[in-house]
Amino acid sequence: MTAQVFTLTGIVAQQKEEEKAAGSRYYEFLRVPALSAGLYRLTANETDPQQPHGEDELYHVLHGHAALQIDTEDVLVGPGSIVYVPARVPHRFHHITEALEVLVVFGPAESTGC
């Protein structure tokens, strides 16, 4: 396999198309056995439907503000926030005050969907 190069502009555009076509909040742009990556978008005041994943997860908030409940703890996140969530730990975004765009990396590649 060779290296792949992505642009955030291109990823956001593809995610919006995917959302229109399939109603999906999550757009996966990279999948290899060791990891997968995608863009997750939630609108202000939306309910985050995700369930715990079987993979470790790294979030990088690109846009928006929210609280992220990780197990029983809440952390405030905004642009530039980077959060690690271990596999199988319950977590979800809430109190989303403006549209949230989050770069998500799973290790190994996600198998459960977002």
PDB file of N, CA and C in Angstrom:
ATOM      1  N   MET A   1       0.847  -1.180   0.000  1.00  0.00           N
ATOM      2  CA  MET A   1       0.000   0.000   0.000  1.00  0.00           C
ATOM      3  C   MET A   1       0.889   1.239   0.000  1.00  0.00           C
ATOM      4  N   THR A   2       0.441   2.250  -0.670  1.00  0.00           N
ATOM      5  CA  THR A   2       1.169   3.505  -0.706  1.00  0.00           C
ATOM      6  C   THR A   2       0.509   4.515   0.222  1.00  0.00           C
ATOM      7  N   ALA A   3       1.241   5.575   0.488  1.00  0.00           N
ATOM      8  CA  ALA A   3       0.703   6.647   1.326  1.00  0.00           C
ATOM      9  C   ALA A   3      -0.514   7.268   0.651  1.00  0.00           C
ATOM     10  N   GLN A   4      -1.398   7.802   1.450  1.00  0.00           N
ATOM     11  CA  GLN A   4      -2.579   8.501   0.936  1.00  0.00           C
ATOM     12  C   GLN A   4      -2.601   9.892   1.538  1.00  0.00           C
ATOM     13  N   VAL A   5      -3.018  10.854   0.758  1.00  0.00           N
ATOM     14  CA  VAL A   5      -3.087  12.236   1.224  1.00  0.00           C
ATOM     15  C   VAL A   5      -4.531  12.710   1.113  1.00  0.00           C
ATOM     16  N   PHE A   6      -5.012  13.347   2.168  1.00  0.00           N
ATOM     17  CA  PHE A   6      -6.378  13.851   2.215  1.00  0.00           C
ATOM     18  C   PHE A   6      -6.338  15.336   2.543  1.00  0.00           C
ATOM     19  N   THR A   7      -7.385  16.043   2.168  1.00  0.00           N
ATOM     20  CA  THR A   7      -7.540  17.430   2.607  1.00  0.00           C
ATOM     21  C   THR A   7      -8.800  17.502   3.448  1.00  0.00           C
ATOM     22  N   LEU A   8      -8.755  18.345   4.449  1.00  0.00           N
ATOM     23  CA  LEU A   8      -9.932  18.513   5.301  1.00  0.00           C
ATOM     24  C   LEU A   8     -11.110  19.018   4.483  1.00  0.00           C
ATOM     25  N   THR A   9     -10.857  19.926   3.553  1.00  0.00           N
ATOM     26  CA  THR A   9     -11.926  20.456   2.685  1.00  0.00           C
ATOM     27  C   THR A   9     -12.599  19.321   1.918  1.00  0.00           C
ATOM     28  N   GLY A  10     -11.792  18.424   1.365  1.00  0.00           N
ATOM     29  CA  GLY A  10     -12.335  17.295   0.620  1.00  0.00           C
ATOM     30  C   GLY A  10     -13.110  16.332   1.500  1.00  0.00           C
ATOM     31  N   ILE A  11     -12.607  16.076   2.695  1.00  0.00           N
ATOM     32  CA  ILE A  11     -13.284  15.170   3.626  1.00  0.00           C
ATOM     33  C   ILE A  11     -14.637  15.741   4.043  1.00  0.00           C
ATOM     34  N   VAL A  12     -14.668  17.028   4.359  1.00  0.00           N
ATOM     35  CA  VAL A  12     -15.925  17.679   4.770  1.00  0.00           C
ATOM     36  C   VAL A  12     -16.932  17.621   3.622  1.00  0.00           C
ATOM     37  N   ALA A  13     -16.491  17.898   2.401  1.00  0.00           N
ATOM     38  CA  ALA A  13     -17.390  17.866   1.241  1.00  0.00           C
ATOM     39  C   ALA A  13     -17.957  16.461   1.037  1.00  0.00           C
ATOM     40  N   GLN A  14     -17.100  15.438   1.139  1.00  0.00           N
ATOM     41  CA  GLN A  14     -17.556  14.056   0.980  1.00  0.00           C
ATOM     42  C   GLN A  14     -18.529  13.661   2.084  1.00  0.00           C
ATOM     43  N   GLN A  15     -18.260  14.096   3.319  1.00  0.00           N
ATOM     44  CA  GLN A  15     -19.155  13.768   4.426  1.00  0.00           C
ATOM     45  C   GLN A  15     -20.525  14.385   4.193  1.00  0.00           C
ATOM     46  N   LYS A  16     -20.567  15.619   3.722  1.00  0.00           N
ATOM     47  CA  LYS A  16     -21.856  16.278   3.456  1.00  0.00           C
ATOM     48  C   LYS A  16     -22.639  15.537   2.377  1.00  0.00           C
ATOM     49  N   GLU A  17     -21.949  15.056   1.342  1.00  0.00           N
ATOM     50  CA  GLU A  17     -22.598  14.269   0.298  1.00  0.00           C
ATOM     51  C   GLU A  17     -23.143  12.961   0.857  1.00  0.00           C
ATOM     52  N   GLU A  18     -22.341  12.300   1.682  1.00  0.00           N
ATOM     53  CA  GLU A  18     -22.755  11.048   2.319  1.00  0.00           C
ATOM     54  C   GLU A  18     -23.976  11.275   3.205  1.00  0.00           C
ATOM     55  N   GLU A  19     -23.968  12.390   3.949  1.00  0.00           N
ATOM     56  CA  GLU A  19     -25.090  12.712   4.825  1.00  0.00           C
ATOM     57  C   GLU A  19     -26.358  12.930   4.007  1.00  0.00           C
ATOM     58  N   LYS A  20     -26.236  13.640   2.896  1.00  0.00           N
ATOM     59  CA  LYS A  20     -27.395  13.869   2.016  1.00  0.00           C
ATOM     60  C   LYS A  20     -27.920  12.559   1.446  1.00  0.00           C
ATOM     61  N   ALA A  21     -27.020  11.742   0.935  1.00  0.00           N
ATOM     62  CA  ALA A  21     -27.411  10.510   0.247  1.00  0.00           C
ATOM     63  C   ALA A  21     -27.929   9.441   1.201  1.00  0.00           C
ATOM     64  N   ALA A  22     -27.257   9.258   2.319  1.00  0.00           N
ATOM     65  CA  ALA A  22     -27.588   8.135   3.199  1.00  0.00           C
ATOM     66  C   ALA A  22     -28.022   8.543   4.601  1.00  0.00           C
ATOM     67  N   GLY A  23     -28.006   9.841   4.895  1.00  0.00           N
ATOM     68  CA  GLY A  23     -28.384  10.294   6.228  1.00  0.00           C
ATOM     69  C   GLY A  23     -27.356   9.957   7.292  1.00  0.00           C
ATOM     70  N   SER A  24     -26.128   9.669   6.873  1.00  0.00           N
ATOM     71  CA  SER A  24     -25.091   9.246   7.809  1.00  0.00           C
ATOM     72  C   SER A  24     -24.364  10.437   8.424  1.00  0.00           C
ATOM     73  N   ARG A  25     -24.180  10.408   9.739  1.00  0.00           N
ATOM     74  CA  ARG A  25     -23.427  11.448  10.449  1.00  0.00           C
ATOM     75  C   ARG A  25     -21.920  11.222  10.331  1.00  0.00           C
ATOM     76  N   TYR A  26     -21.531   9.995   9.971  1.00  0.00           N
ATOM     77  CA  TYR A  26     -20.129   9.602   9.972  1.00  0.00           C
ATOM     78  C   TYR A  26     -19.692   9.255   8.560  1.00  0.00           C
ATOM     79  N   TYR A  27     -18.551   9.788   8.158  1.00  0.00           N
ATOM     80  CA  TYR A  27     -17.965   9.468   6.865  1.00  0.00           C
ATOM     81  C   TYR A  27     -16.555   8.931   7.085  1.00  0.00           C
ATOM     82  N   GLU A  28     -16.362   7.666   6.773  1.00  0.00           N
ATOM     83  CA  GLU A  28     -15.046   7.058   6.913  1.00  0.00           C
ATOM     84  C   GLU A  28     -14.245   7.332   5.642  1.00  0.00           C
ATOM     85  N   PHE A  29     -13.062   7.924   5.796  1.00  0.00           N
ATOM     86  CA  PHE A  29     -12.242   8.218   4.626  1.00  0.00           C
ATOM     87  C   PHE A  29     -10.984   7.370   4.547  1.00  0.00           C
ATOM     88  N   LEU A  30     -10.691   6.590   5.592  1.00  0.00           N
ATOM     89  CA  LEU A  30      -9.518   5.729   5.568  1.00  0.00           C
ATOM     90  C   LEU A  30      -9.797   4.468   6.364  1.00  0.00           C
ATOM     91  N   ARG A  31      -9.405   3.321   5.771  1.00  0.00           N
ATOM     92  CA  ARG A  31      -9.530   2.039   6.479  1.00  0.00           C
ATOM     93  C   ARG A  31      -8.362   1.149   6.078  1.00  0.00           C
ATOM     94  N   VAL A  32      -7.582   0.777   7.063  1.00  0.00           N
ATOM     95  CA  VAL A  32      -6.540  -0.235   6.934  1.00  0.00           C
ATOM     96  C   VAL A  32      -6.688  -1.115   8.172  1.00  0.00           C
ATOM     97  N   PRO A  33      -6.088  -2.283   8.223  1.00  0.00           N
ATOM     98  CA  PRO A  33      -6.322  -3.154   9.375  1.00  0.00           C
ATOM     99  C   PRO A  33      -5.997  -2.518  10.734  1.00  0.00           C
ATOM    100  N   ALA A  34      -4.944  -1.718  10.801  1.00  0.00           N
ATOM    101  CA  ALA A  34      -4.509  -1.180  12.088  1.00  0.00           C
ATOM    102  C   ALA A  34      -5.323   0.013  12.568  1.00  0.00           C
ATOM    103  N   LEU A  35      -6.002   0.706  11.653  1.00  0.00           N
ATOM    104  CA  LEU A  35      -6.788   1.873  12.072  1.00  0.00           C
ATOM    105  C   LEU A  35      -7.788   2.255  10.999  1.00  0.00           C
ATOM    106  N   SER A  36      -8.768   3.050  11.404  1.00  0.00           N
ATOM    107  CA  SER A  36      -9.685   3.681  10.459  1.00  0.00           C
ATOM    108  C   SER A  36      -9.897   5.109  10.930  1.00  0.00           C
ATOM    109  N   ALA A  37     -10.265   5.976   9.985  1.00  0.00           N
ATOM    110  CA  ALA A  37     -10.458   7.389  10.323  1.00  0.00           C
ATOM    111  C   ALA A  37     -11.665   7.920   9.570  1.00  0.00           C
ATOM    112  N   GLY A  38     -12.338   8.865  10.215  1.00  0.00           N
ATOM    113  CA  GLY A  38     -13.515   9.447   9.589  1.00  0.00           C
ATOM    114  C   GLY A  38     -13.851  10.789  10.198  1.00  0.00           C
ATOM    115  N   LEU A  39     -14.883  11.399   9.632  1.00  0.00           N
ATOM    116  CA  LEU A  39     -15.392  12.677  10.122  1.00  0.00           C
ATOM    117  C   LEU A  39     -16.790  12.442  10.661  1.00  0.00           C
ATOM    118  N   TYR A  40     -17.025  12.873  11.886  1.00  0.00           N
ATOM    119  CA  TYR A  40     -18.317  12.716  12.564  1.00  0.00           C
ATOM    120  C   TYR A  40     -18.900  14.104  12.747  1.00  0.00           C
ATOM    121  N   ARG A  41     -20.154  14.285  12.314  1.00  0.00           N
ATOM    122  CA  ARG A  41     -20.800  15.596  12.412  1.00  0.00           C
ATOM    123  C   ARG A  41     -22.131  15.469  13.147  1.00  0.00           C
ATOM    124  N   LEU A  42     -22.351  16.389  14.074  1.00  0.00           N
ATOM    125  CA  LEU A  42     -23.619  16.476  14.787  1.00  0.00           C
ATOM    126  C   LEU A  42     -24.067  17.930  14.761  1.00  0.00           C
ATOM    127  N   THR A  43     -25.357  18.165  14.615  1.00  0.00           N
ATOM    128  CA  THR A  43     -25.885  19.527  14.618  1.00  0.00           C
ATOM    129  C   THR A  43     -26.123  19.993  16.046  1.00  0.00           C
ATOM    130  N   ALA A  44     -26.270  21.289  16.213  1.00  0.00           N
ATOM    131  CA  ALA A  44     -26.570  21.846  17.537  1.00  0.00           C
ATOM    132  C   ALA A  44     -27.824  21.188  18.096  1.00  0.00           C
ATOM    133  N   ASN A  45     -27.771  20.851  19.366  1.00  0.00           N
ATOM    134  CA  ASN A  45     -28.882  20.248  20.112  1.00  0.00           C
ATOM    135  C   ASN A  45     -29.247  18.834  19.672  1.00  0.00           C
ATOM    136  N   GLU A  46     -28.471  18.235  18.765  1.00  0.00           N
ATOM    137  CA  GLU A  46     -28.747  16.872  18.324  1.00  0.00           C
ATOM    138  C   GLU A  46     -28.350  15.871  19.414  1.00  0.00           C
ATOM    139  N   THR A  47     -29.009  14.725  19.430  1.00  0.00           N
ATOM    140  CA  THR A  47     -28.668  13.647  20.338  1.00  0.00           C
ATOM    141  C   THR A  47     -27.649  12.733  19.663  1.00  0.00           C
ATOM    142  N   ASP A  48     -26.558  12.460  20.329  1.00  0.00           N
ATOM    143  CA  ASP A  48     -25.512  11.591  19.815  1.00  0.00           C
ATOM    144  C   ASP A  48     -25.923  10.142  20.062  1.00  0.00           C
ATOM    145  N   PRO A  49     -26.170   9.358  18.996  1.00  0.00           N
ATOM    146  CA  PRO A  49     -26.673   7.997  19.175  1.00  0.00           C
ATOM    147  C   PRO A  49     -25.601   6.927  19.363  1.00  0.00           C
ATOM    148  N   GLN A  50     -24.332   7.294  19.361  1.00  0.00           N
ATOM    149  CA  GLN A  50     -23.300   6.257  19.361  1.00  0.00           C
ATOM    150  C   GLN A  50     -23.296   5.423  20.641  1.00  0.00           C
ATOM    151  N   GLN A  51     -22.850   4.196  20.463  1.00  0.00           N
ATOM    152  CA  GLN A  51     -22.706   3.232  21.548  1.00  0.00           C
ATOM    153  C   GLN A  51     -21.210   2.956  21.724  1.00  0.00           C
ATOM    154  N   PRO A  52     -20.810   2.361  22.853  1.00  0.00           N
ATOM    155  CA  PRO A  52     -19.380   2.043  23.038  1.00  0.00           C
ATOM    156  C   PRO A  52     -18.844   1.202  21.879  1.00  0.00           C
ATOM    157  N   HIS A  53     -17.595   1.451  21.530  1.00  0.00           N
ATOM    158  CA  HIS A  53     -16.940   0.741  20.438  1.00  0.00           C
ATOM    159  C   HIS A  53     -15.984  -0.302  21.010  1.00  0.00           C
ATOM    160  N   GLY A  54     -15.666  -1.289  20.203  1.00  0.00           N
ATOM    161  CA  GLY A  54     -14.716  -2.309  20.605  1.00  0.00           C
ATOM    162  C   GLY A  54     -13.275  -1.915  20.329  1.00  0.00           C
ATOM    163  N   GLU A  55     -13.069  -0.674  19.876  1.00  0.00           N
ATOM    164  CA  GLU A  55     -11.740  -0.186  19.522  1.00  0.00           C
ATOM    165  C   GLU A  55     -11.413   1.065  20.329  1.00  0.00           C
ATOM    166  N   ASP A  56     -10.121   1.311  20.522  1.00  0.00           N
ATOM    167  CA  ASP A  56      -9.704   2.591  21.090  1.00  0.00           C
ATOM    168  C   ASP A  56     -10.070   3.688  20.095  1.00  0.00           C
ATOM    169  N   GLU A  57     -10.291   4.898  20.623  1.00  0.00           N
ATOM    170  CA  GLU A  57     -10.768   5.984  19.772  1.00  0.00           C
ATOM    171  C   GLU A  57     -10.092   7.291  20.163  1.00  0.00           C
ATOM    172  N   LEU A  58      -9.741   8.055  19.152  1.00  0.00           N
ATOM    173  CA  LEU A  58      -9.157   9.371  19.361  1.00  0.00           C
ATOM    174  C   LEU A  58     -10.023  10.387  18.621  1.00  0.00           C
ATOM    175  N   TYR A  59     -10.483  11.400  19.360  1.00  0.00           N
ATOM    176  CA  TYR A  59     -11.282  12.481  18.785  1.00  0.00           C
ATOM    177  C   TYR A  59     -10.428  13.740  18.692  1.00  0.00           C
ATOM    178  N   HIS A  60     -10.552  14.446  17.580  1.00  0.00           N
ATOM    179  CA  HIS A  60      -9.958  15.780  17.439  1.00  0.00           C
ATOM    180  C   HIS A  60     -11.086  16.692  16.971  1.00  0.00           C
ATOM    181  N   VAL A  61     -11.515  17.604  17.847  1.00  0.00           N
ATOM    182  CA  VAL A  61     -12.621  18.503  17.516  1.00  0.00           C
ATOM    183  C   VAL A  61     -12.099  19.585  16.574  1.00  0.00           C
ATOM    184  N   LEU A  62     -12.740  19.673  15.406  1.00  0.00           N
ATOM    185  CA  LEU A  62     -12.359  20.661  14.407  1.00  0.00           C
ATOM    186  C   LEU A  62     -13.205  21.922  14.508  1.00  0.00           C
ATOM    187  N   HIS A  63     -14.488  21.739  14.823  1.00  0.00           N
ATOM    188  CA  HIS A  63     -15.423  22.864  14.870  1.00  0.00           C
ATOM    189  C   HIS A  63     -16.536  22.529  15.860  1.00  0.00           C
ATOM    190  N   GLY A  64     -17.028  23.559  16.536  1.00  0.00           N
ATOM    191  CA  GLY A  64     -18.171  23.396  17.418  1.00  0.00           C
ATOM    192  C   GLY A  64     -17.772  23.243  18.876  1.00  0.00           C
ATOM    193  N   HIS A  65     -18.797  23.239  19.716  1.00  0.00           N
ATOM    194  CA  HIS A  65     -18.606  23.104  21.161  1.00  0.00           C
ATOM    195  C   HIS A  65     -19.654  22.143  21.709  1.00  0.00           C
ATOM    196  N   ALA A  66     -19.239  21.339  22.682  1.00  0.00           N
ATOM    197  CA  ALA A  66     -20.143  20.373  23.301  1.00  0.00           C
ATOM    198  C   ALA A  66     -19.520  19.892  24.599  1.00  0.00           C
ATOM    199  N   ALA A  67     -20.293  19.084  25.302  1.00  0.00           N
ATOM    200  CA  ALA A  67     -19.753  18.316  26.418  1.00  0.00           C
ATOM    201  C   ALA A  67     -19.630  16.883  25.911  1.00  0.00           C
ATOM    202  N   LEU A  68     -18.621  16.190  26.390  1.00  0.00           N
ATOM    203  CA  LEU A  68     -18.434  14.784  26.053  1.00  0.00           C
ATOM    204  C   LEU A  68     -18.473  13.999  27.354  1.00  0.00           C
ATOM    205  N   GLN A  69     -19.480  13.148  27.472  1.00  0.00           N
ATOM    206  CA  GLN A  69     -19.576  12.294  28.650  1.00  0.00           C
ATOM    207  C   GLN A  69     -18.762  11.041  28.368  1.00  0.00           C
ATOM    208  N   ILE A  70     -17.781  10.771  29.230  1.00  0.00           N
ATOM    209  CA  ILE A  70     -16.951   9.580  29.128  1.00  0.00           C
ATOM    210  C   ILE A  70     -17.161   8.802  30.414  1.00  0.00           C
ATOM    211  N   ASP A  71     -17.876   7.696  30.311  1.00  0.00           N
ATOM    212  CA  ASP A  71     -18.303   6.926  31.466  1.00  0.00           C
ATOM    213  C   ASP A  71     -19.156   7.838  32.340  1.00  0.00           C
ATOM    214  N   THR A  72     -18.692   8.256  33.508  1.00  0.00           N
ATOM    215  CA  THR A  72     -19.507   9.135  34.367  1.00  0.00           C
ATOM    216  C   THR A  72     -18.954  10.559  34.429  1.00  0.00           C
ATOM    217  N   GLU A  73     -17.916  10.845  33.659  1.00  0.00           N
ATOM    218  CA  GLU A  73     -17.276  12.169  33.694  1.00  0.00           C
ATOM    219  C   GLU A  73     -17.643  12.986  32.460  1.00  0.00           C
ATOM    220  N   ASP A  74     -17.875  14.277  32.646  1.00  0.00           N
ATOM    221  CA  ASP A  74     -18.121  15.201  31.541  1.00  0.00           C
ATOM    222  C   ASP A  74     -16.901  16.077  31.329  1.00  0.00           C
ATOM    223  N   VAL A  75     -16.526  16.250  30.047  1.00  0.00           N
ATOM    224  CA  VAL A  75     -15.465  17.185  29.701  1.00  0.00           C
ATOM    225  C   VAL A  75     -16.007  18.109  28.612  1.00  0.00           C
ATOM    226  N   LEU A  76     -15.660  19.390  28.693  1.00  0.00           N
ATOM    227  CA  LEU A  76     -16.055  20.339  27.658  1.00  0.00           C
ATOM    228  C   LEU A  76     -15.047  20.268  26.529  1.00  0.00           C
ATOM    229  N   VAL A  77     -15.545  20.242  25.284  1.00  0.00           N
ATOM    230  CA  VAL A  77     -14.672  20.172  24.123  1.00  0.00           C
ATOM    231  C   VAL A  77     -15.025  21.273  23.134  1.00  0.00           C
ATOM    232  N   GLY A  78     -14.011  21.705  22.407  1.00  0.00           N
ATOM    233  CA  GLY A  78     -14.168  22.714  21.373  1.00  0.00           C
ATOM    234  C   GLY A  78     -13.030  22.575  20.391  1.00  0.00           C
ATOM    235  N   PRO A  79     -12.944  23.480  19.415  1.00  0.00           N
ATOM    236  CA  PRO A  79     -11.901  23.381  18.400  1.00  0.00           C
ATOM    237  C   PRO A  79     -10.513  23.204  19.027  1.00  0.00           C
ATOM    238  N   GLY A  80      -9.804  22.190  18.552  1.00  0.00           N
ATOM    239  CA  GLY A  80      -8.472  21.900  19.065  1.00  0.00           C
ATOM    240  C   GLY A  80      -8.442  20.855  20.160  1.00  0.00           C
ATOM    241  N   SER A  81      -9.591  20.534  20.763  1.00  0.00           N
ATOM    242  CA  SER A  81      -9.618  19.494  21.798  1.00  0.00           C
ATOM    243  C   SER A  81      -9.289  18.142  21.183  1.00  0.00           C
ATOM    244  N   ILE A  82      -8.449  17.388  21.878  1.00  0.00           N
ATOM    245  CA  ILE A  82      -8.110  16.025  21.471  1.00  0.00           C
ATOM    246  C   ILE A  82      -8.396  15.125  22.668  1.00  0.00           C
ATOM    247  N   VAL A  83      -9.226  14.106  22.443  1.00  0.00           N
ATOM    248  CA  VAL A  83      -9.666  13.244  23.544  1.00  0.00           C
ATOM    249  C   VAL A  83      -9.464  11.782  23.156  1.00  0.00           C
ATOM    250  N   TYR A  84      -8.856  11.024  24.052  1.00  0.00           N
ATOM    251  CA  TYR A  84      -8.698   9.580  23.873  1.00  0.00           C
ATOM    252  C   TYR A  84      -9.768   8.876  24.698  1.00  0.00           C
ATOM    253  N   VAL A  85     -10.467   7.919  24.067  1.00  0.00           N
ATOM    254  CA  VAL A  85     -11.464   7.107  24.766  1.00  0.00           C
ATOM    255  C   VAL A  85     -11.082   5.639  24.565  1.00  0.00           C
ATOM    256  N   PRO A  86     -10.808   4.920  25.665  1.00  0.00           N
ATOM    257  CA  PRO A  86     -10.452   3.501  25.535  1.00  0.00           C
ATOM    258  C   PRO A  86     -11.616   2.664  24.995  1.00  0.00           C
ATOM    259  N   ALA A  87     -11.288   1.542  24.404  1.00  0.00           N
ATOM    260  CA  ALA A  87     -12.296   0.609  23.892  1.00  0.00           C
ATOM    261  C   ALA A  87     -13.311   0.253  24.977  1.00  0.00           C
ATOM    262  N   ARG A  88     -14.552   0.134  24.558  1.00  0.00           N
ATOM    263  CA  ARG A  88     -15.684  -0.322  25.379  1.00  0.00           C
ATOM    264  C   ARG A  88     -16.115   0.632  26.489  1.00  0.00           C
ATOM    265  N   VAL A  89     -15.541   1.825  26.566  1.00  0.00           N
ATOM    266  CA  VAL A  89     -15.966   2.801  27.579  1.00  0.00           C
ATOM    267  C   VAL A  89     -17.151   3.600  27.009  1.00  0.00           C
ATOM    268  N   PRO A  90     -18.282   3.633  27.735  1.00  0.00           N
ATOM    269  CA  PRO A  90     -19.431   4.406  27.248  1.00  0.00           C
ATOM    270  C   PRO A  90     -19.070   5.893  27.110  1.00  0.00           C
ATOM    271  N   HIS A  91     -19.506   6.491  26.009  1.00  0.00           N
ATOM    272  CA  HIS A  91     -19.242   7.911  25.786  1.00  0.00           C
ATOM    273  C   HIS A  91     -20.222   8.455  24.755  1.00  0.00           C
ATOM    274  N   ARG A  92     -20.500   9.756  24.856  1.00  0.00           N
ATOM    275  CA  ARG A  92     -21.367  10.413  23.873  1.00  0.00           C
ATOM    276  C   ARG A  92     -21.241  11.917  24.037  1.00  0.00           C
ATOM    277  N   PHE A  93     -21.460  12.635  22.935  1.00  0.00           N
ATOM    278  CA  PHE A  93     -21.491  14.089  22.980  1.00  0.00           C
ATOM    279  C   PHE A  93     -22.879  14.538  23.405  1.00  0.00           C
ATOM    280  N   HIS A  94     -22.942  15.627  24.162  1.00  0.00           N
ATOM    281  CA  HIS A  94     -24.238  16.203  24.539  1.00  0.00           C
ATOM    282  C   HIS A  94     -24.054  17.702  24.767  1.00  0.00           C
ATOM    283  N   HIS A  95     -25.137  18.394  24.982  1.00  0.00           N
ATOM    284  CA  HIS A  95     -25.104  19.850  25.121  1.00  0.00           C
ATOM    285  C   HIS A  95     -24.302  20.470  23.977  1.00  0.00           C
ATOM    286  N   ILE A  96     -24.650  20.061  22.776  1.00  0.00           N
ATOM    287  CA  ILE A  96     -23.981  20.561  21.571  1.00  0.00           C
ATOM    288  C   ILE A  96     -24.548  21.943  21.280  1.00  0.00           C
ATOM    289  N   THR A  97     -23.714  22.968  21.444  1.00  0.00           N
ATOM    290  CA  THR A  97     -24.196  24.344  21.311  1.00  0.00           C
ATOM    291  C   THR A  97     -24.048  24.904  19.905  1.00  0.00           C
ATOM    292  N   GLU A  98     -23.179  24.304  19.097  1.00  0.00           N
ATOM    293  CA  GLU A  98     -23.079  24.653  17.679  1.00  0.00           C
ATOM    294  C   GLU A  98     -22.599  23.425  16.936  1.00  0.00           C
ATOM    295  N   ALA A  99     -22.897  23.360  15.638  1.00  0.00           N
ATOM    296  CA  ALA A  99     -22.562  22.178  14.837  1.00  0.00           C
ATOM    297  C   ALA A  99     -21.152  21.685  15.164  1.00  0.00           C
ATOM    298  N   LEU A 100     -21.047  20.393  15.362  1.00  0.00           N
ATOM    299  CA  LEU A 100     -19.805  19.764  15.798  1.00  0.00           C
ATOM    300  C   LEU A 100     -19.219  18.962  14.643  1.00  0.00           C
ATOM    301  N   GLU A 101     -17.952  19.200  14.338  1.00  0.00           N
ATOM    302  CA  GLU A 101     -17.205  18.407  13.360  1.00  0.00           C
ATOM    303  C   GLU A 101     -16.013  17.807  14.097  1.00  0.00           C
ATOM    304  N   VAL A 102     -15.919  16.485  14.064  1.00  0.00           N
ATOM    305  CA  VAL A 102     -14.900  15.790  14.836  1.00  0.00           C
ATOM    306  C   VAL A 102     -14.177  14.780  13.942  1.00  0.00           C
ATOM    307  N   LEU A 103     -12.864  14.889  13.891  1.00  0.00           N
ATOM    308  CA  LEU A 103     -12.043  13.887  13.232  1.00  0.00           C
ATOM    309  C   LEU A 103     -11.908  12.721  14.210  1.00  0.00           C
ATOM    310  N   VAL A 104     -12.184  11.512  13.739  1.00  0.00           N
ATOM    311  CA  VAL A 104     -12.199  10.329  14.596  1.00  0.00           C
ATOM    312  C   VAL A 104     -11.205   9.307  14.046  1.00  0.00           C
ATOM    313  N   VAL A 105     -10.366   8.768  14.925  1.00  0.00           N
ATOM    314  CA  VAL A 105      -9.427   7.711  14.546  1.00  0.00           C
ATOM    315  C   VAL A 105      -9.666   6.519  15.466  1.00  0.00           C
ATOM    316  N   PHE A 106      -9.890   5.354  14.866  1.00  0.00           N
ATOM    317  CA  PHE A 106     -10.078   4.108  15.614  1.00  0.00           C
ATOM    318  C   PHE A 106      -8.848   3.229  15.446  1.00  0.00           C
ATOM    319  N   GLY A 107      -8.461   2.559  16.524  1.00  0.00           N
ATOM    320  CA  GLY A 107      -7.371   1.602  16.440  1.00  0.00           C
ATOM    321  C   GLY A 107      -7.739   0.351  17.226  1.00  0.00           C
ATOM    322  N   PRO A 108      -7.780  -0.829  16.610  1.00  0.00           N
ATOM    323  CA  PRO A 108      -7.662  -1.066  15.178  1.00  0.00           C
ATOM    324  C   PRO A 108      -8.873  -0.520  14.435  1.00  0.00           C
ATOM    325  N   ALA A 109      -8.994  -0.798  13.150  1.00  0.00           N
ATOM    326  CA  ALA A 109     -10.105  -0.271  12.345  1.00  0.00           C
ATOM    327  C   ALA A 109     -11.440  -0.583  13.004  1.00  0.00           C
ATOM    328  N   GLU A 110     -12.332   0.391  12.961  1.00  0.00           N
ATOM    329  CA  GLU A 110     -13.653   0.235  13.577  1.00  0.00           C
ATOM    330  C   GLU A 110     -14.439  -0.888  12.909  1.00  0.00           C
ATOM    331  N   SER A 111     -15.121  -1.648  13.724  1.00  0.00           N
ATOM    332  CA  SER A 111     -15.942  -2.736  13.177  1.00  0.00           C
ATOM    333  C   SER A 111     -17.416  -2.575  13.504  1.00  0.00           C
ATOM    334  N   THR A 112     -17.768  -1.612  14.364  1.00  0.00           N
ATOM    335  CA  THR A 112     -19.149  -1.503  14.829  1.00  0.00           C
ATOM    336  C   THR A 112     -19.948  -0.389  14.187  1.00  0.00           C
ATOM    337  N   GLY A 113     -19.332   0.559  13.476  1.00  0.00           N
ATOM    338  CA  GLY A 113     -20.043   1.704  12.926  1.00  0.00           C
ATOM    339  C   GLY A 113     -20.314   2.746  13.975  1.00  0.00           C
ATOM    340  N   CYS A 114     -20.545   3.957  13.561  1.00  0.00           N
ATOM    341  CA  CYS A 114     -20.774   5.081  14.474  1.00  0.00           C
ATOM    342  C   CYS A 114     -22.229   5.473  14.449  1.00  0.00           C
TER     343      CYS A 114
END
